[in-house]
């Protein structure tokens, strides 16, 4: 089993990070960690270096930081990612967030930054992992306009129509550990072709138990739910999702 998206650099793990990783190794094949800004990505790179072969790395820019970094900061960060391109499996998470970002000027800036990271992904030939909270339609339009061919819609909770548009474009949908209390995720687990699905925890967020810290090995909940909803053996889910991860990220 693979957790394709987690944030093990966050302070939630400062007291027991090594133990969390050790426990995850007992149950999982791999965990992908994601840098969300320049400082976090430096930490993520170090954590990856310490756990090669189990932790895999993406570097990106979460849209909520759009107004916290100036253009020169972004340029330096893009160069940092290029410099470390041989250590990463994708650009992410990147995208749009209309849940937290309401100001029109900040939305515009987040779109501009999003596009700059999509251009980087094309330049270094990397898949992208997308954060599109309350912004799936716009995110889909932008990656189509930018001719992005390899993309994952992280923590997908959109409707069935949107899910179909995504998979018919050849993109992937990642379902998270909050699937048990999300009707749209359950619908996606049943309707999206198995060869278009990925699994994640978004640790430390999206625990299946409210207010509890999430951990990578909880990704098994997603596999179990997909197995139950599709009425297929969980081994088949594990096999196909593993194949999807290999196809997209070479994991």
C-alpha atoms as a PDB file:
ATOM      1  CA  UNK A   1       0.000   0.000   0.000  1.00  0.00           C
ATOM      2  CA  UNK A   2       1.146   3.546  -0.795  1.00  0.00           C
ATOM      3  CA  UNK A   3       0.305   6.917   0.741  1.00  0.00           C
ATOM      4  CA  UNK A   4       0.744   9.306  -2.158  1.00  0.00           C
ATOM      5  CA  UNK A   5       0.431  12.521  -0.147  1.00  0.00           C
ATOM      6  CA  UNK A   6       1.513  13.412   3.387  1.00  0.00           C
ATOM      7  CA  UNK A   7       3.213  16.186   5.357  1.00  0.00           C
ATOM      8  CA  UNK A   8       5.585  14.449   7.738  1.00  0.00           C
ATOM      9  CA  UNK A   9       7.647  17.643   8.048  1.00  0.00           C
ATOM     10  CA  UNK A  10       4.870  19.446   9.917  1.00  0.00           C
ATOM     11  CA  UNK A  11       5.274  20.243  13.607  1.00  0.00           C
ATOM     12  CA  UNK A  12       2.552  17.721  14.475  1.00  0.00           C
ATOM     13  CA  UNK A  13       5.302  15.086  14.216  1.00  0.00           C
ATOM     14  CA  UNK A  14       8.126  16.933  15.943  1.00  0.00           C
ATOM     15  CA  UNK A  15       7.945  14.763  19.066  1.00  0.00           C
ATOM     16  CA  UNK A  16       7.823  11.340  17.370  1.00  0.00           C
ATOM     17  CA  UNK A  17       8.571  11.700  13.644  1.00  0.00           C
ATOM     18  CA  UNK A  18      11.071   8.813  13.530  1.00  0.00           C
ATOM     19  CA  UNK A  19       8.628   6.513  15.306  1.00  0.00           C
ATOM     20  CA  UNK A  20       5.795   7.451  12.936  1.00  0.00           C
ATOM     21  CA  UNK A  21       7.996   6.627   9.945  1.00  0.00           C
ATOM     22  CA  UNK A  22       9.182   3.392  11.546  1.00  0.00           C
ATOM     23  CA  UNK A  23       5.584   2.295  12.162  1.00  0.00           C
ATOM     24  CA  UNK A  24       4.580   3.229   8.613  1.00  0.00           C
ATOM     25  CA  UNK A  25       7.391   1.080   7.214  1.00  0.00           C
ATOM     26  CA  UNK A  26       5.825  -1.973   8.862  1.00  0.00           C
ATOM     27  CA  UNK A  27       2.642  -1.654   6.790  1.00  0.00           C
ATOM     28  CA  UNK A  28       3.347   0.379   3.670  1.00  0.00           C
ATOM     29  CA  UNK A  29       5.469   0.100   0.554  1.00  0.00           C
ATOM     30  CA  UNK A  30       6.055   3.850   0.259  1.00  0.00           C
ATOM     31  CA  UNK A  31       5.003   7.303   1.429  1.00  0.00           C
ATOM     32  CA  UNK A  32       5.225  10.458  -0.678  1.00  0.00           C
ATOM     33  CA  UNK A  33       5.951  13.637   1.274  1.00  0.00           C
ATOM     34  CA  UNK A  34       5.181  17.050  -0.148  1.00  0.00           C
ATOM     35  CA  UNK A  35       6.880  20.409   0.428  1.00  0.00           C
ATOM     36  CA  UNK A  36       4.412  23.295   0.529  1.00  0.00           C
ATOM     37  CA  UNK A  37       6.739  26.333   0.516  1.00  0.00           C
ATOM     38  CA  UNK A  38      10.498  27.026   0.350  1.00  0.00           C
ATOM     39  CA  UNK A  39      11.205  26.432   4.036  1.00  0.00           C
ATOM     40  CA  UNK A  40       9.059  23.321   4.272  1.00  0.00           C
ATOM     41  CA  UNK A  41      10.604  21.926   1.105  1.00  0.00           C
ATOM     42  CA  UNK A  42      14.095  22.254   2.587  1.00  0.00           C
ATOM     43  CA  UNK A  43      12.908  20.149   5.535  1.00  0.00           C
ATOM     44  CA  UNK A  44      11.200  17.674   3.219  1.00  0.00           C
ATOM     45  CA  UNK A  45      14.376  17.250   1.192  1.00  0.00           C
ATOM     46  CA  UNK A  46      16.360  16.432   4.345  1.00  0.00           C
ATOM     47  CA  UNK A  47      13.716  13.965   5.541  1.00  0.00           C
ATOM     48  CA  UNK A  48      13.728  12.269   2.153  1.00  0.00           C
ATOM     49  CA  UNK A  49      17.526  11.967   2.201  1.00  0.00           C
ATOM     50  CA  UNK A  50      17.304  10.228   5.589  1.00  0.00           C
ATOM     51  CA  UNK A  51      14.671   7.731   4.395  1.00  0.00           C
ATOM     52  CA  UNK A  52      15.437   6.976   0.758  1.00  0.00           C
ATOM     53  CA  UNK A  53      13.714   3.914  -0.609  1.00  0.00           C
ATOM     54  CA  UNK A  54      10.657   4.415   1.570  1.00  0.00           C
ATOM     55  CA  UNK A  55       9.932   8.141   1.473  1.00  0.00           C
ATOM     56  CA  UNK A  56       9.521   9.752  -1.935  1.00  0.00           C
ATOM     57  CA  UNK A  57       9.511  13.487  -2.496  1.00  0.00           C
ATOM     58  CA  UNK A  58       7.409  16.131  -4.207  1.00  0.00           C
ATOM     59  CA  UNK A  59       8.121  19.839  -4.011  1.00  0.00           C
ATOM     60  CA  UNK A  60       5.421  22.420  -4.589  1.00  0.00           C
ATOM     61  CA  UNK A  61       3.711  25.551  -3.367  1.00  0.00           C
ATOM     62  CA  UNK A  62       0.415  25.612  -1.494  1.00  0.00           C
ATOM     63  CA  UNK A  63      -1.808  28.465  -2.738  1.00  0.00           C
ATOM     64  CA  UNK A  64      -2.439  29.806   0.778  1.00  0.00           C
ATOM     65  CA  UNK A  65       1.129  31.176   0.729  1.00  0.00           C
ATOM     66  CA  UNK A  66       0.578  33.241  -2.428  1.00  0.00           C
ATOM     67  CA  UNK A  67       0.855  36.614  -0.685  1.00  0.00           C
ATOM     68  CA  UNK A  68       3.627  35.589   1.694  1.00  0.00           C
ATOM     69  CA  UNK A  69       6.380  35.372  -0.943  1.00  0.00           C
ATOM     70  CA  UNK A  70       7.403  37.944  -3.534  1.00  0.00           C
ATOM     71  CA  UNK A  71       8.337  37.275  -7.154  1.00  0.00           C
ATOM     72  CA  UNK A  72      12.047  36.932  -6.400  1.00  0.00           C
ATOM     73  CA  UNK A  73      11.280  34.411  -3.655  1.00  0.00           C
ATOM     74  CA  UNK A  74       9.243  32.352  -6.119  1.00  0.00           C
ATOM     75  CA  UNK A  75      11.980  32.544  -8.761  1.00  0.00           C
ATOM     76  CA  UNK A  76      14.596  31.332  -6.271  1.00  0.00           C
ATOM     77  CA  UNK A  77      12.294  28.536  -5.164  1.00  0.00           C
ATOM     78  CA  UNK A  78      11.664  27.387  -8.725  1.00  0.00           C
ATOM     79  CA  UNK A  79      15.430  27.251  -9.250  1.00  0.00           C
ATOM     80  CA  UNK A  80      15.790  25.241  -6.022  1.00  0.00           C
ATOM     81  CA  UNK A  81      13.320  22.686  -7.333  1.00  0.00           C
ATOM     82  CA  UNK A  82      15.079  22.505 -10.697  1.00  0.00           C
ATOM     83  CA  UNK A  83      18.375  21.955  -8.912  1.00  0.00           C
ATOM     84  CA  UNK A  84      16.840  18.991  -7.046  1.00  0.00           C
ATOM     85  CA  UNK A  85      14.765  17.588  -9.903  1.00  0.00           C
ATOM     86  CA  UNK A  86      16.537  14.230  -9.790  1.00  0.00           C
ATOM     87  CA  UNK A  87      15.350  13.714  -6.211  1.00  0.00           C
ATOM     88  CA  UNK A  88      11.640  14.302  -6.773  1.00  0.00           C
ATOM     89  CA  UNK A  89       8.815  12.282  -8.302  1.00  0.00           C
ATOM     90  CA  UNK A  90       6.509  15.224  -8.978  1.00  0.00           C
ATOM     91  CA  UNK A  91       5.619  18.872  -8.511  1.00  0.00           C
ATOM     92  CA  UNK A  92       3.116  19.275  -5.710  1.00  0.00           C
ATOM     93  CA  UNK A  93       1.123  20.216  -4.090  1.00  0.00           C
ATOM     94  CA  UNK A  94       0.219  23.206  -6.267  1.00  0.00           C
ATOM     95  CA  UNK A  95      -3.057  24.759  -7.298  1.00  0.00           C
ATOM     96  CA  UNK A  96      -5.921  26.936  -6.131  1.00  0.00           C
ATOM     97  CA  UNK A  97      -7.887  27.340  -2.914  1.00  0.00           C
ATOM     98  CA  UNK A  98     -11.210  29.178  -2.938  1.00  0.00           C
ATOM     99  CA  UNK A  99     -12.061  27.999   0.562  1.00  0.00           C
ATOM    100  CA  UNK A 100      -9.379  30.047   2.325  1.00  0.00           C
ATOM    101  CA  UNK A 101      -8.629  32.607  -0.380  1.00  0.00           C
ATOM    102  CA  UNK A 102     -11.476  35.017  -1.105  1.00  0.00           C
ATOM    103  CA  UNK A 103      -9.716  38.232  -2.163  1.00  0.00           C
ATOM    104  CA  UNK A 104      -9.710  38.622  -5.962  1.00  0.00           C
ATOM    105  CA  UNK A 105      -6.160  39.986  -6.129  1.00  0.00           C
ATOM    106  CA  UNK A 106      -4.862  37.090  -4.026  1.00  0.00           C
ATOM    107  CA  UNK A 107      -6.751  34.612  -6.193  1.00  0.00           C
ATOM    108  CA  UNK A 108      -5.149  36.146  -9.290  1.00  0.00           C
ATOM    109  CA  UNK A 109      -1.682  35.915  -7.746  1.00  0.00           C
ATOM    110  CA  UNK A 110      -2.246  32.305  -6.719  1.00  0.00           C
ATOM    111  CA  UNK A 111      -3.287  31.516 -10.313  1.00  0.00           C
ATOM    112  CA  UNK A 112      -0.150  33.175 -11.694  1.00  0.00           C
ATOM    113  CA  UNK A 113       2.045  31.193  -9.290  1.00  0.00           C
ATOM    114  CA  UNK A 114       0.143  28.002 -10.102  1.00  0.00           C
ATOM    115  CA  UNK A 115       0.833  28.477 -13.806  1.00  0.00           C
ATOM    116  CA  UNK A 116       4.530  29.139 -13.162  1.00  0.00           C
ATOM    117  CA  UNK A 117       4.777  25.780 -11.368  1.00  0.00           C
ATOM    118  CA  UNK A 118       2.906  24.043 -14.177  1.00  0.00           C
ATOM    119  CA  UNK A 119       5.432  25.498 -16.613  1.00  0.00           C
ATOM    120  CA  UNK A 120       8.223  24.140 -14.434  1.00  0.00           C
ATOM    121  CA  UNK A 121       6.602  20.703 -14.419  1.00  0.00           C
ATOM    122  CA  UNK A 122       6.521  20.717 -18.216  1.00  0.00           C
ATOM    123  CA  UNK A 123      10.117  21.928 -18.417  1.00  0.00           C
ATOM    124  CA  UNK A 124      11.476  19.131 -16.222  1.00  0.00           C
ATOM    125  CA  UNK A 125       8.884  16.567 -17.381  1.00  0.00           C
ATOM    126  CA  UNK A 126       7.240  15.862 -14.030  1.00  0.00           C
ATOM    127  CA  UNK A 127       3.661  14.970 -13.058  1.00  0.00           C
ATOM    128  CA  UNK A 128       1.775  17.435 -10.860  1.00  0.00           C
ATOM    129  CA  UNK A 129      -0.280  16.899  -7.725  1.00  0.00           C
ATOM    130  CA  UNK A 130      -3.086  19.426  -7.459  1.00  0.00           C
ATOM    131  CA  UNK A 131      -4.690  21.191  -4.518  1.00  0.00           C
ATOM    132  CA  UNK A 132      -8.045  22.469  -5.797  1.00  0.00           C
ATOM    133  CA  UNK A 133     -10.193  23.095  -2.741  1.00  0.00           C
ATOM    134  CA  UNK A 134     -13.518  24.542  -3.922  1.00  0.00           C
ATOM    135  CA  UNK A 135     -11.702  25.165  -7.228  1.00  0.00           C
ATOM    136  CA  UNK A 136     -11.723  21.880  -9.145  1.00  0.00           C
ATOM    137  CA  UNK A 137     -13.383  23.349 -12.257  1.00  0.00           C
ATOM    138  CA  UNK A 138     -10.846  26.167 -12.574  1.00  0.00           C
ATOM    139  CA  UNK A 139      -7.947  23.867 -11.781  1.00  0.00           C
ATOM    140  CA  UNK A 140      -9.031  21.427 -14.492  1.00  0.00           C
ATOM    141  CA  UNK A 141      -9.431  24.206 -17.066  1.00  0.00           C
ATOM    142  CA  UNK A 142      -6.003  25.624 -16.284  1.00  0.00           C
ATOM    143  CA  UNK A 143      -4.114  22.328 -16.573  1.00  0.00           C
ATOM    144  CA  UNK A 144      -5.932  21.560 -19.809  1.00  0.00           C
ATOM    145  CA  UNK A 145      -5.030  25.008 -21.180  1.00  0.00           C
ATOM    146  CA  UNK A 146      -1.422  24.476 -20.095  1.00  0.00           C
ATOM    147  CA  UNK A 147      -1.383  21.072 -21.816  1.00  0.00           C
ATOM    148  CA  UNK A 148      -0.486  19.153 -18.660  1.00  0.00           C
ATOM    149  CA  UNK A 149      -0.685  15.434 -19.362  1.00  0.00           C
ATOM    150  CA  UNK A 150       0.176  13.888 -15.987  1.00  0.00           C
ATOM    151  CA  UNK A 151      -1.822  15.142 -13.011  1.00  0.00           C
ATOM    152  CA  UNK A 152      -3.371  13.976  -9.757  1.00  0.00           C
ATOM    153  CA  UNK A 153      -6.376  15.676  -8.170  1.00  0.00           C
ATOM    154  CA  UNK A 154      -5.396  15.342  -4.516  1.00  0.00           C
ATOM    155  CA  UNK A 155      -8.108  14.724  -1.928  1.00  0.00           C
ATOM    156  CA  UNK A 156     -10.837  14.702  -4.564  1.00  0.00           C
ATOM    157  CA  UNK A 157     -14.317  15.428  -3.242  1.00  0.00           C
ATOM    158  CA  UNK A 158     -16.069  16.710  -6.354  1.00  0.00           C
ATOM    159  CA  UNK A 159     -19.126  15.290  -8.018  1.00  0.00           C
ATOM    160  CA  UNK A 160     -19.423  12.339 -10.389  1.00  0.00           C
ATOM    161  CA  UNK A 161     -19.572  14.565 -13.497  1.00  0.00           C
ATOM    162  CA  UNK A 162     -16.303  16.271 -12.598  1.00  0.00           C
ATOM    163  CA  UNK A 163     -14.702  12.952 -11.765  1.00  0.00           C
ATOM    164  CA  UNK A 164     -15.620  11.653 -15.214  1.00  0.00           C
ATOM    165  CA  UNK A 165     -14.148  14.745 -16.902  1.00  0.00           C
ATOM    166  CA  UNK A 166     -10.912  14.208 -14.973  1.00  0.00           C
ATOM    167  CA  UNK A 167     -10.416  10.524 -15.717  1.00  0.00           C
ATOM    168  CA  UNK A 168     -11.498  10.885 -19.353  1.00  0.00           C
ATOM    169  CA  UNK A 169      -8.682  13.430 -19.746  1.00  0.00           C
ATOM    170  CA  UNK A 170      -6.293  10.778 -18.477  1.00  0.00           C
ATOM    171  CA  UNK A 171      -5.730  12.370 -15.069  1.00  0.00           C
ATOM    172  CA  UNK A 172      -5.773  10.596 -11.702  1.00  0.00           C
ATOM    173  CA  UNK A 173      -8.041  11.014  -8.692  1.00  0.00           C
ATOM    174  CA  UNK A 174      -6.631  10.536  -5.188  1.00  0.00           C
ATOM    175  CA  UNK A 175      -8.966   9.566  -2.357  1.00  0.00           C
ATOM    176  CA  UNK A 176      -8.154  10.339   1.271  1.00  0.00           C
ATOM    177  CA  UNK A 177      -8.748   8.773   4.663  1.00  0.00           C
ATOM    178  CA  UNK A 178     -11.775  11.011   5.247  1.00  0.00           C
ATOM    179  CA  UNK A 179     -13.621   8.860   2.681  1.00  0.00           C
ATOM    180  CA  UNK A 180     -15.790   7.294   5.388  1.00  0.00           C
ATOM    181  CA  UNK A 181     -17.639  10.549   5.997  1.00  0.00           C
ATOM    182  CA  UNK A 182     -17.571  12.006   2.466  1.00  0.00           C
ATOM    183  CA  UNK A 183     -20.354  10.966   0.074  1.00  0.00           C
ATOM    184  CA  UNK A 184     -18.597  12.301  -3.026  1.00  0.00           C
ATOM    185  CA  UNK A 185     -15.429  10.377  -2.237  1.00  0.00           C
ATOM    186  CA  UNK A 186     -17.488   7.217  -1.847  1.00  0.00           C
ATOM    187  CA  UNK A 187     -19.161   7.831  -5.204  1.00  0.00           C
ATOM    188  CA  UNK A 188     -15.757   8.339  -6.788  1.00  0.00           C
ATOM    189  CA  UNK A 189     -14.461   5.133  -5.191  1.00  0.00           C
ATOM    190  CA  UNK A 190     -17.308   3.247  -6.886  1.00  0.00           C
ATOM    191  CA  UNK A 191     -17.419   4.998 -10.260  1.00  0.00           C
ATOM    192  CA  UNK A 192     -13.880   6.038 -11.183  1.00  0.00           C
ATOM    193  CA  UNK A 193     -11.994   3.338 -13.117  1.00  0.00           C
ATOM    194  CA  UNK A 194      -9.600   1.553 -10.787  1.00  0.00           C
ATOM    195  CA  UNK A 195      -6.682   2.393 -13.055  1.00  0.00           C
ATOM    196  CA  UNK A 196      -7.334   6.103 -12.415  1.00  0.00           C
ATOM    197  CA  UNK A 197      -7.326   5.959  -8.594  1.00  0.00           C
ATOM    198  CA  UNK A 198      -4.626   6.757  -6.038  1.00  0.00           C
ATOM    199  CA  UNK A 199      -4.716   6.712  -2.235  1.00  0.00           C
ATOM    200  CA  UNK A 200      -3.541   9.187   0.397  1.00  0.00           C
ATOM    201  CA  UNK A 201      -3.830  10.372   3.976  1.00  0.00           C
ATOM    202  CA  UNK A 202      -2.836  14.065   3.711  1.00  0.00           C
ATOM    203  CA  UNK A 203      -1.327  13.447   7.150  1.00  0.00           C
ATOM    204  CA  UNK A 204      -1.541  15.011   9.673  1.00  0.00           C
ATOM    205  CA  UNK A 205      -4.939  16.100   8.304  1.00  0.00           C
ATOM    206  CA  UNK A 206      -8.099  14.253   7.220  1.00  0.00           C
ATOM    207  CA  UNK A 207      -8.079  11.571   9.868  1.00  0.00           C
ATOM    208  CA  UNK A 208     -11.005   9.164   9.734  1.00  0.00           C
ATOM    209  CA  UNK A 209     -11.546  10.189  13.373  1.00  0.00           C
ATOM    210  CA  UNK A 210     -12.258  13.885  13.900  1.00  0.00           C
ATOM    211  CA  UNK A 211      -9.570  15.886  15.746  1.00  0.00           C
ATOM    212  CA  UNK A 212      -7.145  12.952  15.746  1.00  0.00           C
ATOM    213  CA  UNK A 213      -3.729  13.281  14.100  1.00  0.00           C
ATOM    214  CA  UNK A 214      -3.549  11.267  10.925  1.00  0.00           C
ATOM    215  CA  UNK A 215      -0.606   8.981  10.066  1.00  0.00           C
ATOM    216  CA  UNK A 216       0.445   7.390   6.743  1.00  0.00           C
ATOM    217  CA  UNK A 217      -0.488   3.804   7.620  1.00  0.00           C
ATOM    218  CA  UNK A 218      -4.111   4.903   7.917  1.00  0.00           C
ATOM    219  CA  UNK A 219      -4.151   4.880   4.106  1.00  0.00           C
ATOM    220  CA  UNK A 220      -5.284   1.262   4.464  1.00  0.00           C
ATOM    221  CA  UNK A 221      -8.721   2.711   5.292  1.00  0.00           C
ATOM    222  CA  UNK A 222      -8.970   4.006   1.717  1.00  0.00           C
ATOM    223  CA  UNK A 223      -8.043   0.614   0.264  1.00  0.00           C
ATOM    224  CA  UNK A 224     -10.595  -1.086   2.496  1.00  0.00           C
ATOM    225  CA  UNK A 225     -13.333   1.354   1.514  1.00  0.00           C
ATOM    226  CA  UNK A 226     -12.632   0.997  -2.213  1.00  0.00           C
ATOM    227  CA  UNK A 227     -12.659  -2.790  -1.827  1.00  0.00           C
ATOM    228  CA  UNK A 228     -15.967  -2.726   0.031  1.00  0.00           C
ATOM    229  CA  UNK A 229     -17.714  -0.250  -2.263  1.00  0.00           C
ATOM    230  CA  UNK A 230     -16.641  -2.043  -5.447  1.00  0.00           C
ATOM    231  CA  UNK A 231     -17.125  -5.508  -3.958  1.00  0.00           C
ATOM    232  CA  UNK A 232     -13.683  -6.673  -5.021  1.00  0.00           C
ATOM    233  CA  UNK A 233     -10.798  -8.231  -3.117  1.00  0.00           C
ATOM    234  CA  UNK A 234      -8.550  -5.701  -1.413  1.00  0.00           C
ATOM    235  CA  UNK A 235      -5.525  -7.398  -2.998  1.00  0.00           C
ATOM    236  CA  UNK A 236      -6.858  -6.341  -6.403  1.00  0.00           C
ATOM    237  CA  UNK A 237      -7.116  -2.735  -5.184  1.00  0.00           C
ATOM    238  CA  UNK A 238      -3.568  -2.855  -3.832  1.00  0.00           C
ATOM    239  CA  UNK A 239      -2.247  -4.355  -7.075  1.00  0.00           C
ATOM    240  CA  UNK A 240      -3.904  -1.816  -9.366  1.00  0.00           C
ATOM    241  CA  UNK A 241      -3.123   1.237  -7.230  1.00  0.00           C
ATOM    242  CA  UNK A 242       0.500   0.097  -7.023  1.00  0.00           C
ATOM    243  CA  UNK A 243       0.558  -0.151 -10.804  1.00  0.00           C
ATOM    244  CA  UNK A 244      -0.925   3.351 -11.063  1.00  0.00           C
ATOM    245  CA  UNK A 245       1.788   4.746  -8.794  1.00  0.00           C
ATOM    246  CA  UNK A 246       4.477   3.027 -10.839  1.00  0.00           C
ATOM    247  CA  UNK A 247       3.031   4.375 -14.099  1.00  0.00           C
ATOM    248  CA  UNK A 248       2.783   7.946 -12.823  1.00  0.00           C
ATOM    249  CA  UNK A 249       5.658   8.316 -10.365  1.00  0.00           C
ATOM    250  CA  UNK A 250       7.848   5.259 -11.027  1.00  0.00           C
ATOM    251  CA  UNK A 251       7.399   4.163  -7.400  1.00  0.00           C
END
